[in-house]
């Protein structure tokens, strides 16, 4: 994959001289179809760590919410729903 190729090339790119870097960059951009500036950025900067966000906490406890909402549904929504069993 492109990420694996970038990872392998990054290590060699940092140790190479200018003429070798140019050759490696041309080859890498030809294989991956990345723009040169983006490829240079990939090679010169450390890879970003994927930090997963914690996300929002649940607003309501499911059991507590169910105890409160089910009687409301039974009182308001169920009687108003059409009865399809008669058709």
N, C-alpha and C. Protein backbone atom coordinates (compact mmCIF):
# COMPACT_ATOMS: atom_id res chain seq x y z
N UNK A 1 0.84 -1.18 0.00
CA UNK A 1 0.00 0.00 0.00
C UNK A 1 0.89 1.25 0.00
N UNK A 2 0.26 2.39 -0.20
CA UNK A 2 1.01 3.64 -0.24
C UNK A 2 1.63 3.96 1.11
N UNK A 3 0.91 3.67 2.18
CA UNK A 3 1.43 3.96 3.52
C UNK A 3 2.67 3.12 3.82
N UNK A 4 2.62 1.85 3.45
CA UNK A 4 3.77 0.97 3.68
C UNK A 4 4.97 1.42 2.86
N UNK A 5 4.72 1.80 1.61
CA UNK A 5 5.80 2.28 0.75
C UNK A 5 6.41 3.57 1.32
N UNK A 6 5.57 4.45 1.83
CA UNK A 6 6.06 5.70 2.42
C UNK A 6 6.90 5.42 3.66
N UNK A 7 6.47 4.47 4.45
CA UNK A 7 7.20 4.13 5.68
C UNK A 7 8.59 3.59 5.36
N UNK A 8 8.68 2.73 4.36
CA UNK A 8 9.96 2.15 3.98
C UNK A 8 10.87 3.22 3.36
N UNK A 9 10.29 4.06 2.50
CA UNK A 9 11.08 5.06 1.80
C UNK A 9 11.54 6.17 2.74
N UNK A 10 10.74 6.49 3.76
CA UNK A 10 11.07 7.58 4.69
C UNK A 10 12.43 7.35 5.35
N UNK A 11 12.67 6.13 5.80
CA UNK A 11 13.92 5.84 6.50
C UNK A 11 15.13 6.02 5.58
N UNK A 12 15.02 5.54 4.34
CA UNK A 12 16.14 5.67 3.41
C UNK A 12 16.31 7.11 2.94
N UNK A 13 15.20 7.83 2.78
CA UNK A 13 15.22 9.21 2.29
C UNK A 13 15.98 10.12 3.25
N UNK A 14 15.79 9.94 4.54
CA UNK A 14 16.43 10.80 5.53
C UNK A 14 17.96 10.64 5.52
N UNK A 15 18.45 9.48 5.17
CA UNK A 15 19.90 9.23 5.18
C UNK A 15 20.57 9.55 3.85
N UNK A 16 19.79 9.78 2.79
CA UNK A 16 20.34 9.93 1.45
C UNK A 16 20.85 11.35 1.21
N UNK A 17 21.72 11.47 0.18
CA UNK A 17 22.19 12.78 -0.26
C UNK A 17 21.17 13.43 -1.18
N UNK A 18 21.47 14.67 -1.61
CA UNK A 18 20.50 15.45 -2.37
C UNK A 18 20.14 14.80 -3.71
N UNK A 19 21.11 14.33 -4.46
CA UNK A 19 20.82 13.75 -5.77
C UNK A 19 20.03 12.44 -5.62
N UNK A 20 20.35 11.67 -4.60
CA UNK A 20 19.63 10.42 -4.36
C UNK A 20 18.20 10.73 -3.90
N UNK A 21 18.05 11.77 -3.08
CA UNK A 21 16.71 12.17 -2.63
C UNK A 21 15.83 12.55 -3.82
N UNK A 22 16.40 13.29 -4.77
CA UNK A 22 15.65 13.69 -5.96
C UNK A 22 15.17 12.46 -6.72
N UNK A 23 16.06 11.51 -6.91
CA UNK A 23 15.71 10.28 -7.61
C UNK A 23 14.62 9.51 -6.86
N UNK A 24 14.80 9.38 -5.54
CA UNK A 24 13.81 8.65 -4.73
C UNK A 24 12.45 9.34 -4.77
N UNK A 25 12.47 10.66 -4.71
CA UNK A 25 11.23 11.43 -4.73
C UNK A 25 10.50 11.26 -6.06
N UNK A 26 11.26 11.31 -7.16
CA UNK A 26 10.65 11.10 -8.48
C UNK A 26 10.02 9.72 -8.58
N UNK A 27 10.74 8.72 -8.13
CA UNK A 27 10.25 7.34 -8.18
C UNK A 27 9.00 7.17 -7.30
N UNK A 28 9.06 7.71 -6.08
CA UNK A 28 7.94 7.59 -5.15
C UNK A 28 6.69 8.29 -5.69
N UNK A 29 6.87 9.49 -6.22
CA UNK A 29 5.72 10.24 -6.75
C UNK A 29 5.15 9.55 -7.99
N UNK A 30 6.00 8.93 -8.77
CA UNK A 30 5.51 8.19 -9.93
C UNK A 30 4.69 6.97 -9.54
N UNK A 31 5.10 6.29 -8.49
CA UNK A 31 4.40 5.08 -8.05
C UNK A 31 3.10 5.38 -7.31
N UNK A 32 3.11 6.42 -6.49
CA UNK A 32 1.96 6.67 -5.62
C UNK A 32 1.02 7.75 -6.16
N UNK A 33 1.48 8.53 -7.14
CA UNK A 33 0.73 9.65 -7.70
C UNK A 33 0.49 10.75 -6.66
N UNK A 34 1.38 10.83 -5.66
CA UNK A 34 1.34 11.93 -4.70
C UNK A 34 2.05 13.13 -5.34
N UNK A 35 1.68 14.34 -4.93
CA UNK A 35 2.41 15.52 -5.35
C UNK A 35 3.75 15.56 -4.62
N UNK A 36 4.74 16.20 -5.26
CA UNK A 36 6.09 16.22 -4.69
C UNK A 36 6.14 16.88 -3.31
N UNK A 37 5.47 18.01 -3.17
CA UNK A 37 5.51 18.72 -1.88
C UNK A 37 4.90 17.87 -0.77
N UNK A 38 3.84 17.15 -1.08
CA UNK A 38 3.22 16.29 -0.08
C UNK A 38 4.17 15.14 0.29
N UNK A 39 4.85 14.59 -0.71
CA UNK A 39 5.78 13.50 -0.45
C UNK A 39 6.96 13.99 0.41
N UNK A 40 7.45 15.19 0.13
CA UNK A 40 8.54 15.75 0.93
C UNK A 40 8.08 15.92 2.37
N UNK A 41 6.86 16.40 2.54
CA UNK A 41 6.31 16.57 3.89
C UNK A 41 6.21 15.22 4.60
N UNK A 42 5.79 14.18 3.88
CA UNK A 42 5.70 12.85 4.48
C UNK A 42 7.06 12.35 4.95
N UNK A 43 8.08 12.61 4.16
CA UNK A 43 9.40 12.09 4.48
C UNK A 43 10.10 12.89 5.58
N UNK A 44 9.91 14.20 5.62
CA UNK A 44 10.65 15.04 6.56
C UNK A 44 9.99 15.17 7.92
N UNK A 45 8.71 14.89 8.03
CA UNK A 45 8.02 15.00 9.31
C UNK A 45 7.68 13.62 9.83
N UNK A 46 7.69 13.46 11.14
CA UNK A 46 7.31 12.15 11.70
C UNK A 46 5.84 11.86 11.42
N UNK A 47 5.49 10.60 11.29
CA UNK A 47 4.08 10.27 11.01
C UNK A 47 3.20 10.65 12.19
N UNK A 48 1.98 11.08 11.87
CA UNK A 48 1.03 11.44 12.92
C UNK A 48 0.53 10.19 13.61
N UNK A 49 0.34 10.33 14.91
CA UNK A 49 -0.26 9.23 15.66
C UNK A 49 -1.77 9.38 15.58
N UNK A 50 -2.44 8.29 15.34
CA UNK A 50 -3.89 8.33 15.30
C UNK A 50 -4.42 8.31 16.73
N UNK A 51 -4.95 9.42 17.15
CA UNK A 51 -5.52 9.51 18.49
C UNK A 51 -7.03 9.42 18.36
N UNK A 52 -7.58 8.39 18.93
CA UNK A 52 -9.02 8.24 18.89
C UNK A 52 -9.63 9.15 19.93
N UNK A 53 -10.66 9.85 19.54
CA UNK A 53 -11.35 10.71 20.47
C UNK A 53 -12.17 9.89 21.45
N UNK A 54 -12.31 10.41 22.62
CA UNK A 54 -13.08 9.70 23.64
C UNK A 54 -14.55 9.76 23.29
N UNK A 55 -15.00 10.87 22.75
CA UNK A 55 -16.40 11.01 22.39
C UNK A 55 -17.23 11.50 23.56
N UNK A 56 -18.46 11.78 23.27
CA UNK A 56 -19.34 12.28 24.31
C UNK A 56 -19.82 11.16 25.19
N UNK A 57 -20.04 11.50 26.44
CA UNK A 57 -20.62 10.52 27.34
C UNK A 57 -22.11 10.42 27.05
N UNK A 58 -22.68 9.29 27.40
CA UNK A 58 -24.11 9.13 27.22
C UNK A 58 -24.83 10.10 28.13
N UNK A 59 -25.85 10.72 27.58
CA UNK A 59 -26.57 11.72 28.34
C UNK A 59 -27.49 11.08 29.37
N UNK A 60 -28.05 9.95 29.00
CA UNK A 60 -28.99 9.29 29.89
C UNK A 60 -28.56 7.85 30.11
N UNK A 61 -28.78 7.36 31.29
CA UNK A 61 -28.57 5.95 31.56
C UNK A 61 -29.73 5.20 30.91
N UNK A 62 -29.46 4.15 30.18
CA UNK A 62 -30.50 3.50 29.38
C UNK A 62 -31.63 2.93 30.24
N UNK A 63 -31.30 2.32 31.36
CA UNK A 63 -32.36 1.74 32.20
C UNK A 63 -33.22 2.83 32.83
N UNK A 64 -32.58 3.86 33.32
CA UNK A 64 -33.32 4.96 33.93
C UNK A 64 -34.19 5.66 32.89
N UNK A 65 -33.64 5.83 31.70
CA UNK A 65 -34.38 6.46 30.61
C UNK A 65 -35.58 5.61 30.21
N UNK A 66 -35.39 4.30 30.12
CA UNK A 66 -36.48 3.40 29.72
C UNK A 66 -37.60 3.42 30.76
N UNK A 67 -37.24 3.45 32.03
CA UNK A 67 -38.27 3.49 33.08
C UNK A 67 -39.11 4.75 32.97
N UNK A 68 -38.51 5.84 32.55
CA UNK A 68 -39.24 7.10 32.47
C UNK A 68 -40.03 7.23 31.17
N UNK A 69 -39.50 6.75 30.06
CA UNK A 69 -40.11 7.04 28.76
C UNK A 69 -41.17 6.02 28.34
N UNK A 70 -41.05 4.77 28.75
CA UNK A 70 -42.02 3.75 28.32
C UNK A 70 -43.44 4.07 28.76
N UNK A 71 -43.68 4.50 29.99
CA UNK A 71 -45.05 4.88 30.34
C UNK A 71 -45.59 6.04 29.50
N UNK A 72 -44.70 6.97 29.14
CA UNK A 72 -45.13 8.09 28.29
C UNK A 72 -45.51 7.58 26.92
N UNK A 73 -44.72 6.68 26.35
CA UNK A 73 -45.05 6.10 25.05
C UNK A 73 -46.39 5.38 25.11
N UNK A 74 -46.56 4.57 26.13
CA UNK A 74 -47.80 3.81 26.25
C UNK A 74 -49.01 4.72 26.37
N UNK A 75 -48.86 5.84 27.02
CA UNK A 75 -49.99 6.74 27.24
C UNK A 75 -50.30 7.57 26.00
N UNK A 76 -49.27 8.11 25.34
CA UNK A 76 -49.50 9.04 24.25
C UNK A 76 -49.40 8.42 22.86
N UNK A 77 -48.40 7.64 22.60
CA UNK A 77 -48.11 7.20 21.23
C UNK A 77 -48.89 5.96 20.84
N UNK A 78 -48.96 4.96 21.68
CA UNK A 78 -49.62 3.71 21.32
C UNK A 78 -51.10 3.91 21.00
N UNK A 79 -51.88 4.64 21.80
CA UNK A 79 -53.29 4.83 21.44
C UNK A 79 -53.47 5.63 20.15
N UNK A 80 -52.54 6.50 19.81
CA UNK A 80 -52.67 7.32 18.61
C UNK A 80 -52.23 6.58 17.36
N UNK A 81 -51.51 5.49 17.50
CA UNK A 81 -51.02 4.75 16.34
C UNK A 81 -52.18 4.01 15.68
N UNK A 82 -52.18 3.95 14.34
CA UNK A 82 -53.26 3.24 13.65
C UNK A 82 -53.20 1.74 13.93
N UNK A 83 -54.35 1.13 13.96
CA UNK A 83 -54.44 -0.31 14.21
C UNK A 83 -54.50 -1.02 12.86
N UNK A 84 -53.41 -1.64 12.46
CA UNK A 84 -53.33 -2.29 11.17
C UNK A 84 -53.87 -3.72 11.20
N UNK A 85 -54.18 -4.23 12.35
CA UNK A 85 -54.66 -5.61 12.44
C UNK A 85 -56.09 -5.73 11.90
N UNK A 86 -56.84 -4.64 11.81
CA UNK A 86 -58.23 -4.69 11.33
C UNK A 86 -58.31 -4.75 9.81
N UNK A 87 -57.24 -4.44 9.11
CA UNK A 87 -57.30 -4.41 7.64
C UNK A 87 -57.17 -5.75 7.03
